[in-house]
N, C-alpha and C. Protein backbone atom coordinates (compact mmCIF):
# COMPACT_ATOMS: atom_id res chain seq x y z
N MET A 1 0.84 -1.16 0.00
CA MET A 1 0.00 0.00 0.00
C MET A 1 0.89 1.24 0.00
N LYS A 2 0.64 2.17 -0.91
CA LYS A 2 1.46 3.37 -1.06
C LYS A 2 0.70 4.58 -0.54
N ASN A 3 1.47 5.56 -0.07
CA ASN A 3 0.85 6.82 0.33
C ASN A 3 0.89 7.79 -0.83
N LYS A 4 0.44 9.02 -0.60
CA LYS A 4 0.38 10.01 -1.68
C LYS A 4 1.75 10.40 -2.20
N LYS A 5 2.78 10.32 -1.37
CA LYS A 5 4.13 10.70 -1.77
C LYS A 5 4.90 9.54 -2.39
N GLY A 6 4.28 8.38 -2.51
CA GLY A 6 4.95 7.23 -3.11
C GLY A 6 5.57 6.29 -2.09
N GLY A 7 5.55 6.66 -0.82
CA GLY A 7 6.08 5.80 0.23
C GLY A 7 5.01 4.84 0.70
N SER A 8 5.37 3.98 1.61
CA SER A 8 4.42 3.01 2.12
C SER A 8 3.69 3.54 3.34
N ALA A 9 2.57 2.94 3.66
CA ALA A 9 1.82 3.30 4.86
C ALA A 9 2.66 3.02 6.10
N ALA A 10 3.48 1.97 6.05
CA ALA A 10 4.35 1.67 7.19
C ALA A 10 5.35 2.80 7.42
N GLU A 11 5.88 3.39 6.35
CA GLU A 11 6.79 4.52 6.50
C GLU A 11 6.07 5.70 7.15
N ASP A 12 4.82 5.93 6.78
CA ASP A 12 4.03 7.00 7.41
C ASP A 12 3.89 6.75 8.90
N LEU A 13 3.63 5.50 9.29
CA LEU A 13 3.48 5.17 10.70
C LEU A 13 4.77 5.40 11.45
N VAL A 14 5.89 5.02 10.86
CA VAL A 14 7.18 5.25 11.51
C VAL A 14 7.42 6.74 11.68
N ASP A 15 7.15 7.52 10.63
CA ASP A 15 7.36 8.96 10.70
C ASP A 15 6.47 9.63 11.74
N THR A 16 5.25 9.16 11.92
CA THR A 16 4.35 9.82 12.87
C THR A 16 4.46 9.26 14.27
N CYS A 17 4.76 7.97 14.43
CA CYS A 17 4.75 7.35 15.76
C CYS A 17 6.13 7.13 16.35
N ILE A 18 7.05 6.63 15.59
CA ILE A 18 8.35 6.24 16.13
C ILE A 18 9.38 7.36 15.99
N ALA A 19 9.47 7.96 14.85
CA ALA A 19 10.50 8.97 14.61
C ALA A 19 9.91 10.21 13.96
N PRO A 20 9.04 10.92 14.70
CA PRO A 20 8.45 12.12 14.09
C PRO A 20 9.53 13.15 13.77
N ARG A 21 9.41 13.77 12.64
CA ARG A 21 10.40 14.76 12.21
C ARG A 21 10.04 16.11 12.81
N ARG A 22 11.00 16.74 13.38
CA ARG A 22 10.83 18.10 13.88
C ARG A 22 11.78 18.98 13.08
N GLU A 23 11.71 20.28 13.29
CA GLU A 23 12.61 21.17 12.55
C GLU A 23 14.06 20.74 12.71
N LYS A 24 14.46 20.49 13.94
CA LYS A 24 15.82 20.04 14.21
C LYS A 24 15.75 18.55 14.56
N THR A 25 16.22 17.70 13.66
CA THR A 25 16.02 16.26 13.86
C THR A 25 17.20 15.54 14.50
N LYS A 26 18.33 16.21 14.63
CA LYS A 26 19.49 15.56 15.23
C LYS A 26 20.05 16.46 16.32
N ALA A 27 20.54 15.84 17.38
CA ALA A 27 21.10 16.62 18.48
C ALA A 27 22.17 15.81 19.20
N LEU A 28 23.11 16.52 19.76
CA LEU A 28 24.11 15.91 20.64
C LEU A 28 23.83 16.47 22.02
N PHE A 29 23.50 15.61 22.96
CA PHE A 29 23.11 16.04 24.30
C PHE A 29 24.27 16.00 25.29
N GLY A 30 25.45 15.63 24.85
CA GLY A 30 26.59 15.51 25.74
C GLY A 30 26.97 14.05 25.88
N SER A 31 27.62 13.74 26.98
CA SER A 31 28.02 12.35 27.19
C SER A 31 27.50 11.89 28.55
N VAL A 32 27.40 10.59 28.69
CA VAL A 32 26.97 9.99 29.96
C VAL A 32 27.96 8.92 30.33
N LYS A 33 28.10 8.68 31.62
CA LYS A 33 29.01 7.65 32.10
C LYS A 33 28.18 6.48 32.61
N VAL A 34 28.55 5.29 32.21
CA VAL A 34 27.86 4.09 32.66
C VAL A 34 28.38 3.74 34.05
N GLY A 35 27.45 3.62 35.00
CA GLY A 35 27.83 3.28 36.37
C GLY A 35 28.12 1.80 36.52
N GLU A 36 28.53 1.43 37.71
CA GLU A 36 28.89 0.04 37.99
C GLU A 36 27.74 -0.93 37.74
N ARG A 37 26.51 -0.45 37.93
CA ARG A 37 25.34 -1.30 37.73
C ARG A 37 24.75 -1.16 36.32
N GLY A 38 25.49 -0.51 35.43
CA GLY A 38 25.03 -0.37 34.05
C GLY A 38 24.04 0.78 33.85
N GLN A 39 23.91 1.65 34.82
CA GLN A 39 22.93 2.75 34.73
C GLN A 39 23.55 3.98 34.09
N ILE A 40 22.69 4.74 33.40
CA ILE A 40 23.08 6.04 32.85
C ILE A 40 22.02 7.05 33.22
N VAL A 41 22.36 8.32 33.15
CA VAL A 41 21.40 9.40 33.34
C VAL A 41 21.14 10.01 31.97
N ILE A 42 19.88 10.09 31.59
CA ILE A 42 19.51 10.71 30.32
C ILE A 42 19.52 12.22 30.55
N PRO A 43 20.28 12.97 29.74
CA PRO A 43 20.35 14.41 29.95
C PRO A 43 18.98 15.09 29.92
N LYS A 44 18.83 16.13 30.73
CA LYS A 44 17.57 16.85 30.86
C LYS A 44 17.02 17.30 29.51
N GLU A 45 17.88 17.85 28.66
CA GLU A 45 17.43 18.35 27.35
C GLU A 45 16.82 17.23 26.51
N ALA A 46 17.40 16.04 26.58
CA ALA A 46 16.88 14.89 25.83
C ALA A 46 15.54 14.46 26.41
N ARG A 47 15.45 14.40 27.75
CA ARG A 47 14.18 14.01 28.39
C ARG A 47 13.08 14.99 28.02
N GLU A 48 13.38 16.28 28.01
CA GLU A 48 12.38 17.28 27.67
C GLU A 48 11.96 17.17 26.21
N LEU A 49 12.93 17.04 25.31
CA LEU A 49 12.63 16.96 23.88
C LEU A 49 11.76 15.76 23.55
N PHE A 50 12.03 14.63 24.20
CA PHE A 50 11.30 13.40 23.89
C PHE A 50 10.19 13.07 24.88
N GLY A 51 9.92 13.99 25.80
CA GLY A 51 8.80 13.80 26.73
C GLY A 51 8.98 12.63 27.66
N ILE A 52 10.21 12.39 28.11
CA ILE A 52 10.48 11.28 29.01
C ILE A 52 10.30 11.77 30.44
N GLU A 53 9.40 11.11 31.15
CA GLU A 53 9.05 11.49 32.52
C GLU A 53 9.42 10.37 33.49
N PRO A 54 9.60 10.70 34.77
CA PRO A 54 9.86 9.64 35.75
C PRO A 54 8.75 8.59 35.70
N GLY A 55 9.14 7.33 35.72
CA GLY A 55 8.17 6.24 35.66
C GLY A 55 7.91 5.72 34.26
N ASP A 56 8.31 6.47 33.22
CA ASP A 56 8.14 5.98 31.85
C ASP A 56 8.96 4.71 31.65
N ILE A 57 8.46 3.84 30.81
CA ILE A 57 9.17 2.62 30.46
C ILE A 57 9.82 2.83 29.10
N LEU A 58 11.13 2.57 29.04
CA LEU A 58 11.87 2.69 27.79
C LEU A 58 12.31 1.31 27.35
N LEU A 59 12.18 1.05 26.06
CA LEU A 59 12.70 -0.19 25.48
C LEU A 59 14.12 0.09 24.99
N VAL A 60 15.01 -0.84 25.23
CA VAL A 60 16.38 -0.72 24.75
C VAL A 60 16.51 -1.61 23.53
N LEU A 61 16.68 -1.00 22.38
CA LEU A 61 16.80 -1.74 21.12
C LEU A 61 18.25 -1.68 20.67
N GLY A 62 18.70 -2.68 19.95
CA GLY A 62 20.08 -2.66 19.51
C GLY A 62 20.27 -3.27 18.14
N ASP A 63 21.25 -2.75 17.46
CA ASP A 63 21.68 -3.25 16.17
C ASP A 63 23.21 -3.24 16.22
N VAL A 64 23.82 -4.38 15.96
CA VAL A 64 25.28 -4.49 16.08
C VAL A 64 25.99 -3.45 15.22
N GLU A 65 25.45 -3.14 14.05
CA GLU A 65 26.11 -2.19 13.15
C GLU A 65 25.75 -0.73 13.45
N ARG A 66 24.53 -0.48 13.93
CA ARG A 66 24.07 0.90 14.09
C ARG A 66 24.07 1.39 15.53
N GLY A 67 24.07 0.50 16.52
CA GLY A 67 24.15 0.93 17.91
C GLY A 67 22.88 0.67 18.69
N ILE A 68 22.75 1.41 19.80
CA ILE A 68 21.65 1.24 20.75
C ILE A 68 20.66 2.39 20.59
N ALA A 69 19.38 2.08 20.77
CA ALA A 69 18.34 3.10 20.75
C ALA A 69 17.41 2.91 21.94
N LEU A 70 16.96 3.99 22.50
CA LEU A 70 15.96 3.97 23.56
C LEU A 70 14.66 4.48 22.97
N VAL A 71 13.58 3.75 23.19
CA VAL A 71 12.27 4.13 22.66
C VAL A 71 11.25 4.00 23.77
N LYS A 72 10.40 5.02 23.91
CA LYS A 72 9.35 4.93 24.91
C LYS A 72 8.41 3.78 24.56
N ALA A 73 8.10 2.96 25.55
CA ALA A 73 7.26 1.78 25.32
C ALA A 73 5.88 2.18 24.82
N ASP A 74 5.32 3.29 25.32
CA ASP A 74 3.99 3.68 24.87
C ASP A 74 4.00 4.09 23.39
N THR A 75 5.13 4.58 22.91
CA THR A 75 5.25 4.92 21.49
C THR A 75 5.17 3.66 20.64
N ILE A 76 5.86 2.62 21.05
CA ILE A 76 5.82 1.35 20.33
C ILE A 76 4.42 0.75 20.38
N GLN A 77 3.76 0.88 21.53
CA GLN A 77 2.41 0.35 21.68
C GLN A 77 1.46 1.06 20.72
N GLU A 78 1.55 2.38 20.63
CA GLU A 78 0.71 3.13 19.69
C GLU A 78 1.02 2.73 18.25
N PHE A 79 2.30 2.54 17.95
CA PHE A 79 2.72 2.11 16.62
C PHE A 79 2.10 0.76 16.27
N ALA A 80 2.15 -0.17 17.21
CA ALA A 80 1.58 -1.51 16.99
C ALA A 80 0.07 -1.42 16.74
N LYS A 81 -0.63 -0.59 17.51
CA LYS A 81 -2.07 -0.42 17.33
C LYS A 81 -2.38 0.11 15.93
N LYS A 82 -1.59 1.08 15.47
CA LYS A 82 -1.83 1.65 14.14
C LYS A 82 -1.54 0.62 13.05
N ILE A 83 -0.53 -0.21 13.25
CA ILE A 83 -0.25 -1.27 12.28
C ILE A 83 -1.45 -2.21 12.19
N LEU A 84 -1.97 -2.61 13.34
CA LEU A 84 -3.12 -3.51 13.35
C LEU A 84 -4.33 -2.86 12.70
N GLU A 85 -4.56 -1.58 12.98
CA GLU A 85 -5.68 -0.88 12.35
C GLU A 85 -5.51 -0.83 10.84
N THR A 86 -4.29 -0.56 10.38
CA THR A 86 -4.01 -0.46 8.95
C THR A 86 -4.20 -1.80 8.26
N THR A 87 -3.79 -2.90 8.92
CA THR A 87 -3.94 -4.21 8.30
C THR A 87 -5.41 -4.66 8.27
N ARG A 88 -6.20 -4.17 9.23
CA ARG A 88 -7.64 -4.51 9.23
C ARG A 88 -8.39 -3.67 8.20
N ASN A 89 -7.95 -2.43 8.00
CA ASN A 89 -8.61 -1.50 7.08
C ASN A 89 -7.57 -0.93 6.12
N PRO A 90 -7.12 -1.70 5.13
CA PRO A 90 -6.02 -1.26 4.26
C PRO A 90 -6.32 -0.01 3.43
N GLU A 91 -7.56 0.41 3.33
CA GLU A 91 -7.89 1.59 2.54
C GLU A 91 -7.47 2.88 3.23
N LYS A 92 -7.25 2.87 4.56
CA LYS A 92 -6.92 4.09 5.30
C LYS A 92 -5.52 4.57 5.02
């Protein structure tokens, strides 16, 4: 299924749910040090930009070639719901 721009509906879902584009899409927030128990502190600017609040659940995803990514679990849940809706109603 293609969208109006020639991309797929799945690409639209990724753009809106997983990786929404903002004016400034890339940032360097500084560095973090991994503690003895494997913990890090997410810089305040990153937490604010991505709406990360105390108690939020983050998924840790990894790719050997590309690195580690943190994704809010509720974002993935919304993404999954939209995929299911799209597969049930492919005309949308």
